[in-house]
Amino acid sequence: MPGAQELFKIRSLNEDDREWLISFVSQSWGSTRIISRGRTYDVVLLPGYVGTINGQRVSLATYHIKNKECEMVTLESGVEGIGIGSALIEAVKGAAVSAGCRRLWLVTSNDNTNALRFYQKRGFHLVAVYPNAIDRARKLKPEIPLIGADGIRIRDELELEIVFPDS
């Protein structure tokens, strides 16, 4: 059996990915608008990476760099358990380091216990909890559901980060 890295490829997001990206992100997030810490992003406008299997797009990571910090805005995979999400994180980390960023950070919601486990296993540390931030985000993006994973009310934003050495 081939190794996991032989099963998929990671490449930079490009203009040819636009229609797929709109469909893929909208299916998971309700639109291409993402709200994080009160800021609205349109992921169509962000740089990122695509994971492919046999040339078919199956996963995506987007990011935004500002003030020597890199926020991973989305990480979404249609295939789990083969390392593609971890490879996308590594690609974003590489972009952040190349840009001279001091940290890579992200926000997830309180209901997303799978993501909390996943990110912590990959070196992210929980650094902040923003109570009721999702309630405020719904004013900008009303399509955010009230109930999320495992029947948990989506209410709070959780910030995780990796600080780069020598930053």
N, C-alpha and C. Protein backbone atom coordinates (compact mmCIF):
# COMPACT_ATOMS: atom_id res chain seq x y z
N MET A 1 0.85 -1.19 0.00
CA MET A 1 0.00 0.00 0.00
C MET A 1 0.88 1.24 0.00
N PRO A 2 0.57 2.24 -0.81
CA PRO A 2 1.39 3.45 -0.83
C PRO A 2 1.27 4.21 0.47
N GLY A 3 2.31 5.02 0.78
CA GLY A 3 2.27 5.87 1.96
C GLY A 3 1.24 6.96 1.79
N ALA A 4 0.84 7.56 2.92
CA ALA A 4 -0.21 8.59 2.89
C ALA A 4 0.15 9.74 1.95
N GLN A 5 1.43 10.14 1.94
CA GLN A 5 1.83 11.25 1.08
C GLN A 5 1.66 10.92 -0.39
N GLU A 6 1.66 9.64 -0.75
CA GLU A 6 1.44 9.25 -2.14
C GLU A 6 -0.04 9.28 -2.51
N LEU A 7 -0.92 9.29 -1.53
CA LEU A 7 -2.35 9.29 -1.78
C LEU A 7 -2.88 10.66 -2.18
N PHE A 8 -2.22 11.72 -1.75
CA PHE A 8 -2.72 13.07 -2.00
C PHE A 8 -1.57 13.99 -2.35
N LYS A 9 -1.94 15.14 -2.90
CA LYS A 9 -0.98 16.20 -3.21
C LYS A 9 -1.54 17.51 -2.68
N ILE A 10 -0.65 18.39 -2.26
CA ILE A 10 -1.01 19.73 -1.80
C ILE A 10 -0.42 20.72 -2.80
N ARG A 11 -1.24 21.67 -3.21
CA ARG A 11 -0.76 22.70 -4.12
C ARG A 11 -1.42 24.03 -3.77
N SER A 12 -0.84 25.10 -4.29
CA SER A 12 -1.40 26.43 -4.05
C SER A 12 -2.75 26.57 -4.74
N LEU A 13 -3.63 27.27 -4.09
CA LEU A 13 -4.92 27.63 -4.64
C LEU A 13 -4.69 28.54 -5.84
N ASN A 14 -5.45 28.35 -6.92
CA ASN A 14 -5.29 29.22 -8.08
C ASN A 14 -6.65 29.60 -8.66
N GLU A 15 -6.64 30.45 -9.66
CA GLU A 15 -7.87 30.98 -10.26
C GLU A 15 -8.77 29.87 -10.79
N ASP A 16 -8.18 28.78 -11.28
CA ASP A 16 -8.98 27.67 -11.81
C ASP A 16 -9.80 26.97 -10.72
N ASP A 17 -9.48 27.22 -9.47
CA ASP A 17 -10.17 26.58 -8.34
C ASP A 17 -11.40 27.37 -7.88
N ARG A 18 -11.62 28.56 -8.44
CA ARG A 18 -12.65 29.47 -7.91
C ARG A 18 -14.03 28.83 -7.81
N GLU A 19 -14.55 28.24 -8.88
CA GLU A 19 -15.91 27.67 -8.84
C GLU A 19 -16.00 26.54 -7.82
N TRP A 20 -14.99 25.68 -7.82
CA TRP A 20 -14.96 24.58 -6.85
C TRP A 20 -14.93 25.14 -5.43
N LEU A 21 -14.07 26.13 -5.18
CA LEU A 21 -13.94 26.73 -3.85
C LEU A 21 -15.28 27.29 -3.38
N ILE A 22 -15.98 28.01 -4.24
CA ILE A 22 -17.27 28.59 -3.87
C ILE A 22 -18.24 27.49 -3.45
N SER A 23 -18.32 26.43 -4.22
CA SER A 23 -19.22 25.33 -3.91
C SER A 23 -18.79 24.59 -2.64
N PHE A 24 -17.52 24.27 -2.54
CA PHE A 24 -16.99 23.49 -1.41
C PHE A 24 -17.17 24.23 -0.10
N VAL A 25 -16.80 25.51 -0.06
CA VAL A 25 -16.90 26.28 1.17
C VAL A 25 -18.36 26.58 1.51
N SER A 26 -19.15 26.91 0.52
CA SER A 26 -20.56 27.20 0.77
C SER A 26 -21.29 26.00 1.34
N GLN A 27 -20.93 24.82 0.88
CA GLN A 27 -21.57 23.60 1.38
C GLN A 27 -21.30 23.40 2.88
N SER A 28 -20.08 23.71 3.31
CA SER A 28 -19.71 23.52 4.72
C SER A 28 -20.03 24.71 5.60
N TRP A 29 -19.92 25.93 5.07
CA TRP A 29 -20.00 27.13 5.87
C TRP A 29 -21.23 27.98 5.57
N GLY A 30 -22.06 27.57 4.64
CA GLY A 30 -23.28 28.30 4.33
C GLY A 30 -23.09 29.44 3.34
N SER A 31 -21.86 29.86 3.12
CA SER A 31 -21.50 30.89 2.14
C SER A 31 -19.98 30.93 2.09
N THR A 32 -19.44 31.83 1.28
CA THR A 32 -17.98 31.98 1.26
C THR A 32 -17.51 33.02 2.27
N ARG A 33 -18.44 33.60 3.01
CA ARG A 33 -18.09 34.56 4.06
C ARG A 33 -17.80 33.81 5.35
N ILE A 34 -16.68 34.14 5.96
CA ILE A 34 -16.28 33.57 7.24
C ILE A 34 -16.11 34.72 8.23
N ILE A 35 -16.65 34.55 9.42
CA ILE A 35 -16.52 35.56 10.46
C ILE A 35 -15.54 35.03 11.50
N SER A 36 -14.53 35.82 11.82
CA SER A 36 -13.54 35.44 12.82
C SER A 36 -13.15 36.67 13.61
N ARG A 37 -13.37 36.63 14.90
CA ARG A 37 -13.04 37.74 15.79
C ARG A 37 -13.64 39.05 15.29
N GLY A 38 -14.87 38.98 14.79
CA GLY A 38 -15.59 40.17 14.36
C GLY A 38 -15.24 40.65 12.96
N ARG A 39 -14.31 39.98 12.32
CA ARG A 39 -13.90 40.37 10.97
C ARG A 39 -14.54 39.43 9.96
N THR A 40 -15.00 39.98 8.84
CA THR A 40 -15.59 39.18 7.78
C THR A 40 -14.56 38.97 6.68
N TYR A 41 -14.35 37.71 6.32
CA TYR A 41 -13.48 37.34 5.21
C TYR A 41 -14.34 36.73 4.10
N ASP A 42 -13.99 37.00 2.87
CA ASP A 42 -14.54 36.25 1.74
C ASP A 42 -13.41 35.34 1.29
N VAL A 43 -13.56 34.04 1.52
CA VAL A 43 -12.46 33.11 1.25
C VAL A 43 -12.07 33.06 -0.22
N VAL A 44 -12.95 33.50 -1.10
CA VAL A 44 -12.60 33.54 -2.52
C VAL A 44 -11.42 34.49 -2.75
N LEU A 45 -11.25 35.46 -1.88
CA LEU A 45 -10.20 36.47 -2.05
C LEU A 45 -8.90 36.13 -1.32
N LEU A 46 -8.89 35.02 -0.58
CA LEU A 46 -7.73 34.68 0.25
C LEU A 46 -6.79 33.71 -0.46
N PRO A 47 -5.49 33.78 -0.11
CA PRO A 47 -4.58 32.74 -0.60
C PRO A 47 -4.83 31.44 0.15
N GLY A 48 -4.37 30.36 -0.40
CA GLY A 48 -4.56 29.09 0.28
C GLY A 48 -3.95 27.93 -0.46
N TYR A 49 -4.32 26.75 0.00
CA TYR A 49 -3.82 25.49 -0.55
C TYR A 49 -4.98 24.53 -0.75
N VAL A 50 -4.84 23.72 -1.77
CA VAL A 50 -5.83 22.71 -2.10
C VAL A 50 -5.17 21.34 -1.96
N GLY A 51 -5.91 20.41 -1.38
CA GLY A 51 -5.47 19.02 -1.34
C GLY A 51 -6.21 18.24 -2.40
N THR A 52 -5.48 17.45 -3.19
CA THR A 52 -6.10 16.66 -4.25
C THR A 52 -5.75 15.19 -4.09
N ILE A 53 -6.67 14.37 -4.54
CA ILE A 53 -6.44 12.92 -4.64
C ILE A 53 -6.75 12.55 -6.09
N ASN A 54 -5.78 11.97 -6.76
CA ASN A 54 -5.93 11.63 -8.18
C ASN A 54 -6.43 12.81 -9.00
N GLY A 55 -5.94 14.00 -8.69
CA GLY A 55 -6.31 15.20 -9.42
C GLY A 55 -7.64 15.82 -9.02
N GLN A 56 -8.39 15.17 -8.13
CA GLN A 56 -9.68 15.69 -7.67
C GLN A 56 -9.49 16.49 -6.39
N ARG A 57 -10.04 17.68 -6.35
CA ARG A 57 -9.95 18.55 -5.17
C ARG A 57 -10.81 17.97 -4.05
N VAL A 58 -10.21 17.83 -2.86
CA VAL A 58 -10.95 17.25 -1.74
C VAL A 58 -10.79 18.04 -0.44
N SER A 59 -9.86 19.00 -0.41
CA SER A 59 -9.64 19.73 0.84
C SER A 59 -9.07 21.10 0.55
N LEU A 60 -9.16 21.96 1.57
CA LEU A 60 -8.80 23.36 1.37
C LEU A 60 -8.34 23.98 2.68
N ALA A 61 -7.34 24.84 2.60
CA ALA A 61 -6.96 25.71 3.71
C ALA A 61 -6.76 27.10 3.13
N THR A 62 -7.31 28.11 3.80
CA THR A 62 -7.09 29.50 3.41
C THR A 62 -6.52 30.25 4.60
N TYR A 63 -5.83 31.35 4.29
CA TYR A 63 -5.19 32.10 5.36
C TYR A 63 -5.13 33.58 5.02
N HIS A 64 -4.84 34.37 6.05
CA HIS A 64 -4.71 35.82 5.90
C HIS A 64 -3.53 36.27 6.76
N ILE A 65 -2.62 37.02 6.15
CA ILE A 65 -1.45 37.53 6.88
C ILE A 65 -1.59 39.03 7.08
N LYS A 66 -1.40 39.44 8.33
CA LYS A 66 -1.43 40.87 8.68
C LYS A 66 -0.58 41.08 9.92
N ASN A 67 0.24 42.12 9.91
CA ASN A 67 1.06 42.49 11.07
C ASN A 67 1.90 41.32 11.59
N LYS A 68 2.52 40.59 10.67
CA LYS A 68 3.40 39.47 11.02
C LYS A 68 2.69 38.35 11.77
N GLU A 69 1.38 38.25 11.55
CA GLU A 69 0.60 37.14 12.09
C GLU A 69 -0.17 36.50 10.95
N CYS A 70 -0.30 35.19 10.99
CA CYS A 70 -1.02 34.46 9.95
C CYS A 70 -2.22 33.77 10.60
N GLU A 71 -3.39 34.15 10.15
CA GLU A 71 -4.61 33.49 10.60
C GLU A 71 -5.01 32.44 9.57
N MET A 72 -5.15 31.21 10.00
CA MET A 72 -5.71 30.18 9.14
C MET A 72 -7.23 30.36 9.23
N VAL A 73 -7.82 30.85 8.16
CA VAL A 73 -9.23 31.22 8.16
C VAL A 73 -10.11 30.00 7.98
N THR A 74 -9.73 29.09 7.08
CA THR A 74 -10.48 27.84 6.91
C THR A 74 -9.52 26.67 6.80
N LEU A 75 -9.97 25.54 7.26
CA LEU A 75 -9.35 24.24 7.01
C LEU A 75 -10.52 23.28 6.88
N GLU A 76 -10.70 22.75 5.70
CA GLU A 76 -11.85 21.89 5.43
C GLU A 76 -11.39 20.71 4.59
N SER A 77 -11.73 19.52 5.04
CA SER A 77 -11.34 18.33 4.27
C SER A 77 -12.53 17.43 4.05
N GLY A 78 -12.64 16.96 2.84
CA GLY A 78 -13.67 15.98 2.51
C GLY A 78 -13.21 14.56 2.76
N VAL A 79 -11.94 14.40 3.12
CA VAL A 79 -11.36 13.08 3.38
C VAL A 79 -10.57 13.16 4.67
N GLU A 80 -10.89 12.30 5.62
CA GLU A 80 -10.19 12.32 6.91
C GLU A 80 -9.35 11.06 7.09
N GLY A 81 -8.34 11.18 7.94
CA GLY A 81 -7.58 10.02 8.35
C GLY A 81 -6.40 9.64 7.47
N ILE A 82 -6.06 10.46 6.47
CA ILE A 82 -4.91 10.12 5.62
C ILE A 82 -3.79 11.15 5.71
N GLY A 83 -3.97 12.19 6.55
CA GLY A 83 -2.93 13.19 6.75
C GLY A 83 -3.05 14.43 5.91
N ILE A 84 -4.10 14.54 5.14
CA ILE A 84 -4.24 15.69 4.25
C ILE A 84 -4.46 16.99 5.02
N GLY A 85 -5.22 16.96 6.10
CA GLY A 85 -5.41 18.15 6.93
C GLY A 85 -4.10 18.59 7.57
N SER A 86 -3.33 17.66 8.06
CA SER A 86 -2.02 17.97 8.65
C SER A 86 -1.09 18.57 7.61
N ALA A 87 -1.12 18.03 6.40
CA ALA A 87 -0.28 18.56 5.32
C ALA A 87 -0.70 19.98 4.94
N LEU A 88 -1.99 20.26 4.97
CA LEU A 88 -2.45 21.63 4.69
C LEU A 88 -1.97 22.59 5.78
N ILE A 89 -2.02 22.17 7.03
CA ILE A 89 -1.50 23.02 8.11
C ILE A 89 -0.02 23.30 7.87
N GLU A 90 0.74 22.28 7.51
CA GLU A 90 2.17 22.47 7.25
C GLU A 90 2.40 23.44 6.11
N ALA A 91 1.58 23.38 5.08
CA ALA A 91 1.71 24.31 3.95
C ALA A 91 1.45 25.74 4.41
N VAL A 92 0.41 25.95 5.21
CA VAL A 92 0.11 27.29 5.72
C VAL A 92 1.22 27.76 6.65
N LYS A 93 1.73 26.86 7.50
CA LYS A 93 2.85 27.22 8.37
C LYS A 93 4.04 27.67 7.54
N GLY A 94 4.32 26.97 6.44
CA GLY A 94 5.42 27.35 5.57
C GLY A 94 5.23 28.74 4.98
N ALA A 95 4.01 29.05 4.56
CA ALA A 95 3.72 30.38 4.02
C ALA A 95 3.91 31.44 5.10
N ALA A 96 3.48 31.13 6.32
CA ALA A 96 3.61 32.08 7.43
C ALA A 96 5.07 32.34 7.76
N VAL A 97 5.84 31.30 7.85
CA VAL A 97 7.27 31.44 8.16
C VAL A 97 7.97 32.23 7.05
N SER A 98 7.66 31.91 5.79
CA SER A 98 8.26 32.63 4.66
C SER A 98 7.92 34.11 4.68
N ALA A 99 6.74 34.44 5.21
CA ALA A 99 6.32 35.85 5.29
C ALA A 99 6.85 36.54 6.54
N GLY A 100 7.61 35.81 7.37
CA GLY A 100 8.17 36.40 8.58
C GLY A 100 7.19 36.53 9.73
N CYS A 101 6.13 35.73 9.70
CA CYS A 101 5.13 35.79 10.77
C CYS A 101 5.70 35.25 12.07
N ARG A 102 5.18 35.79 13.17
CA ARG A 102 5.61 35.33 14.50
C ARG A 102 4.72 34.22 15.04
N ARG A 103 3.49 34.12 14.45
CA ARG A 103 2.61 33.06 14.90
C ARG A 103 1.61 32.70 13.82
N LEU A 104 1.08 31.49 13.95
CA LEU A 104 -0.05 31.00 13.16
C LEU A 104 -1.18 30.81 14.14
N TRP A 105 -2.34 31.36 13.83
CA TRP A 105 -3.46 31.24 14.76
C TRP A 105 -4.74 30.96 13.99
N LEU A 106 -5.75 30.54 14.73
CA LEU A 106 -7.05 30.24 14.15
C LEU A 106 -8.11 30.36 15.22
N VAL A 107 -9.33 30.44 14.76
CA VAL A 107 -10.49 30.47 15.65
C VAL A 107 -11.41 29.33 15.26
N THR A 108 -11.92 28.64 16.26
CA THR A 108 -12.97 27.65 16.05
C THR A 108 -14.07 27.92 17.06
N SER A 109 -15.13 27.19 16.96
CA SER A 109 -16.26 27.41 17.87
C SER A 109 -16.27 26.36 18.97
N ASN A 110 -16.96 26.67 20.05
CA ASN A 110 -16.97 25.82 21.24
C ASN A 110 -17.53 24.42 20.99
N ASP A 111 -18.38 24.26 19.98
CA ASP A 111 -18.96 22.95 19.70
C ASP A 111 -18.02 22.03 18.95
N ASN A 112 -16.97 22.57 18.37
CA ASN A 112 -16.13 21.82 17.44
C ASN A 112 -15.04 21.05 18.19
N THR A 113 -15.47 20.07 18.97
CA THR A 113 -14.53 19.30 19.79
C THR A 113 -13.57 18.48 18.94
N ASN A 114 -14.00 18.04 17.77
CA ASN A 114 -13.09 17.31 16.87
C ASN A 114 -11.94 18.22 16.43
N ALA A 115 -12.25 19.47 16.10
CA ALA A 115 -11.21 20.40 15.69
C ALA A 115 -10.26 20.70 16.85
N LEU A 116 -10.79 20.88 18.04
CA LEU A 116 -9.93 21.15 19.19
C LEU A 116 -8.93 20.02 19.40
N ARG A 117 -9.39 18.81 19.31
CA ARG A 117 -8.51 17.65 19.44
C ARG A 117 -7.48 17.64 18.31
N PHE A 118 -7.95 17.81 17.08
CA PHE A 118 -7.09 17.78 15.90
C PHE A 118 -5.98 18.83 15.99
N TYR A 119 -6.35 20.08 16.27
CA TYR A 119 -5.36 21.15 16.29
C TYR A 119 -4.35 20.99 17.44
N GLN A 120 -4.82 20.57 18.60
CA GLN A 120 -3.90 20.40 19.73
C GLN A 120 -2.90 19.28 19.46
N LYS A 121 -3.32 18.24 18.78
CA LYS A 121 -2.40 17.15 18.42
C LYS A 121 -1.33 17.62 17.44
N ARG A 122 -1.59 18.74 16.76
CA ARG A 122 -0.65 19.27 15.77
C ARG A 122 0.09 20.50 16.27
N GLY A 123 0.12 20.67 17.59
CA GLY A 123 0.97 21.69 18.20
C GLY A 123 0.31 23.01 18.52
N PHE A 124 -0.97 23.16 18.24
CA PHE A 124 -1.66 24.40 18.58
C PHE A 124 -2.00 24.41 20.07
N HIS A 125 -1.95 25.61 20.67
CA HIS A 125 -2.30 25.81 22.07
C HIS A 125 -3.51 26.70 22.15
N LEU A 126 -4.43 26.36 23.05
CA LEU A 126 -5.60 27.20 23.31
C LEU A 126 -5.13 28.42 24.08
N VAL A 127 -5.38 29.62 23.52
CA VAL A 127 -4.87 30.84 24.15
C VAL A 127 -5.96 31.81 24.57
N ALA A 128 -7.19 31.63 24.06
CA ALA A 128 -8.25 32.56 24.46
C ALA A 128 -9.62 31.96 24.18
N VAL A 129 -10.56 32.35 25.02
CA VAL A 129 -11.97 32.03 24.82
C VAL A 129 -12.71 33.36 24.78
N TYR A 130 -13.55 33.51 23.75
CA TYR A 130 -14.33 34.73 23.59
C TYR A 130 -15.81 34.38 23.77
N PRO A 131 -16.31 34.52 25.02
CA PRO A 131 -17.69 34.15 25.31
C PRO A 131 -18.69 34.93 24.45
N ASN A 132 -19.67 34.21 23.95
CA ASN A 132 -20.78 34.77 23.18
C ASN A 132 -20.36 35.46 21.88
N ALA A 133 -19.15 35.22 21.41
CA ALA A 133 -18.69 35.86 20.17
C ALA A 133 -19.49 35.39 18.96
N ILE A 134 -19.96 34.16 18.97
CA ILE A 134 -20.73 33.65 17.84
C ILE A 134 -22.09 34.34 17.78
N ASP A 135 -22.65 34.65 18.93
CA ASP A 135 -23.91 35.40 18.93
C ASP A 135 -23.72 36.74 18.21
N ARG A 136 -22.58 37.39 18.45
CA ARG A 136 -22.30 38.66 17.76
C ARG A 136 -22.01 38.42 16.27
N ALA A 137 -21.35 37.32 15.95
CA ALA A 137 -21.04 37.00 14.55
C ALA A 137 -22.31 36.77 13.73
N ARG A 138 -23.34 36.24 14.37
CA ARG A 138 -24.61 36.01 13.65
C ARG A 138 -25.23 37.31 13.14
N LYS A 139 -24.88 38.42 13.74
CA LYS A 139 -25.39 39.71 13.25
C LYS A 139 -24.77 40.03 11.89
N LEU A 140 -23.56 39.53 11.64
CA LEU A 140 -22.88 39.72 10.37
C LEU A 140 -23.19 38.59 9.39
N LYS A 141 -23.46 37.41 9.93
CA LYS A 141 -23.71 36.22 9.10
C LYS A 141 -24.83 35.41 9.76
N PRO A 142 -26.07 35.77 9.48
CA PRO A 142 -27.21 35.12 10.14
C PRO A 142 -27.33 33.63 9.86
N GLU A 143 -26.70 33.13 8.82
CA GLU A 143 -26.81 31.71 8.49
C GLU A 143 -26.00 30.80 9.41
N ILE A 144 -25.24 31.36 10.36
CA ILE A 144 -24.54 30.52 11.34
C ILE A 144 -25.59 29.81 12.18
N PRO A 145 -25.55 28.48 12.21
CA PRO A 145 -26.58 27.75 12.96
C PRO A 145 -26.48 27.98 14.47
N LEU A 146 -27.58 27.70 15.15
CA LEU A 146 -27.58 27.81 16.61
C LEU A 146 -26.96 26.58 17.27
N ILE A 147 -27.18 25.43 16.68
CA ILE A 147 -26.70 24.16 17.24
C ILE A 147 -25.68 23.56 16.29
N GLY A 148 -24.57 23.08 16.86
CA GLY A 148 -23.50 22.52 16.06
C GLY A 148 -23.26 21.05 16.34
N ALA A 149 -22.01 20.67 16.30
CA ALA A 149 -21.61 19.28 16.48
C ALA A 149 -22.10 18.74 17.82
N ASP A 150 -22.54 17.51 17.79
CA ASP A 150 -22.97 16.80 19.00
C ASP A 150 -24.10 17.49 19.74
N GLY A 151 -24.89 18.31 19.05
CA GLY A 151 -26.02 18.99 19.68
C GLY A 151 -25.63 20.11 20.62
N ILE A 152 -24.40 20.60 20.50
CA ILE A 152 -23.91 21.67 21.38
C ILE A 152 -24.28 23.03 20.79
N ARG A 153 -24.80 23.92 21.63
CA ARG A 153 -25.13 25.27 21.17
C ARG A 153 -23.85 26.00 20.78
N ILE A 154 -23.80 26.55 19.59
CA ILE A 154 -22.64 27.30 19.10
C ILE A 154 -22.72 28.70 19.69
N ARG A 155 -21.73 29.04 20.51
CA ARG A 155 -21.82 30.28 21.28
C ARG A 155 -20.49 31.04 21.34
N ASP A 156 -19.40 30.34 21.59
CA ASP A 156 -18.12 30.98 21.89
C ASP A 156 -17.08 30.72 20.80
N GLU A 157 -16.18 31.69 20.63
CA GLU A 157 -15.01 31.47 19.77
C GLU A 157 -13.83 31.08 20.65
N LEU A 158 -13.05 30.12 20.15
CA LEU A 158 -11.85 29.66 20.84
C LEU A 158 -10.66 29.94 19.93
N GLU A 159 -9.65 30.59 20.45
CA GLU A 159 -8.47 30.92 19.67
C GLU A 159 -7.33 29.98 20.04
N LEU A 160 -6.70 29.42 19.01
CA LEU A 160 -5.55 28.55 19.19
C LEU A 160 -4.40 29.12 18.38
N GLU A 161 -3.16 28.83 18.82
CA GLU A 161 -2.01 29.36 18.11
C GLU A 161 -0.82 28.44 18.20
N ILE A 162 0.09 28.64 17.25
CA ILE A 162 1.44 28.12 17.28
C ILE A 162 2.34 29.34 17.17
N VAL A 163 3.23 29.51 18.14
CA VAL A 163 4.21 30.60 18.08
C VAL A 163 5.49 30.03 17.49
N PHE A 164 6.04 30.73 16.51
CA PHE A 164 7.24 30.25 15.85
C PHE A 164 8.47 30.61 16.65
N PRO A 165 9.44 29.70 16.71
CA PRO A 165 10.68 30.01 17.43
C PRO A 165 11.38 31.21 16.80
N ASP A 166 12.13 31.94 17.62
CA ASP A 166 12.90 33.09 17.14
C ASP A 166 12.01 34.18 16.58
N SER A 167 10.77 34.27 17.08
CA SER A 167 9.90 35.32 16.57
C SER A 167 9.83 36.48 17.54
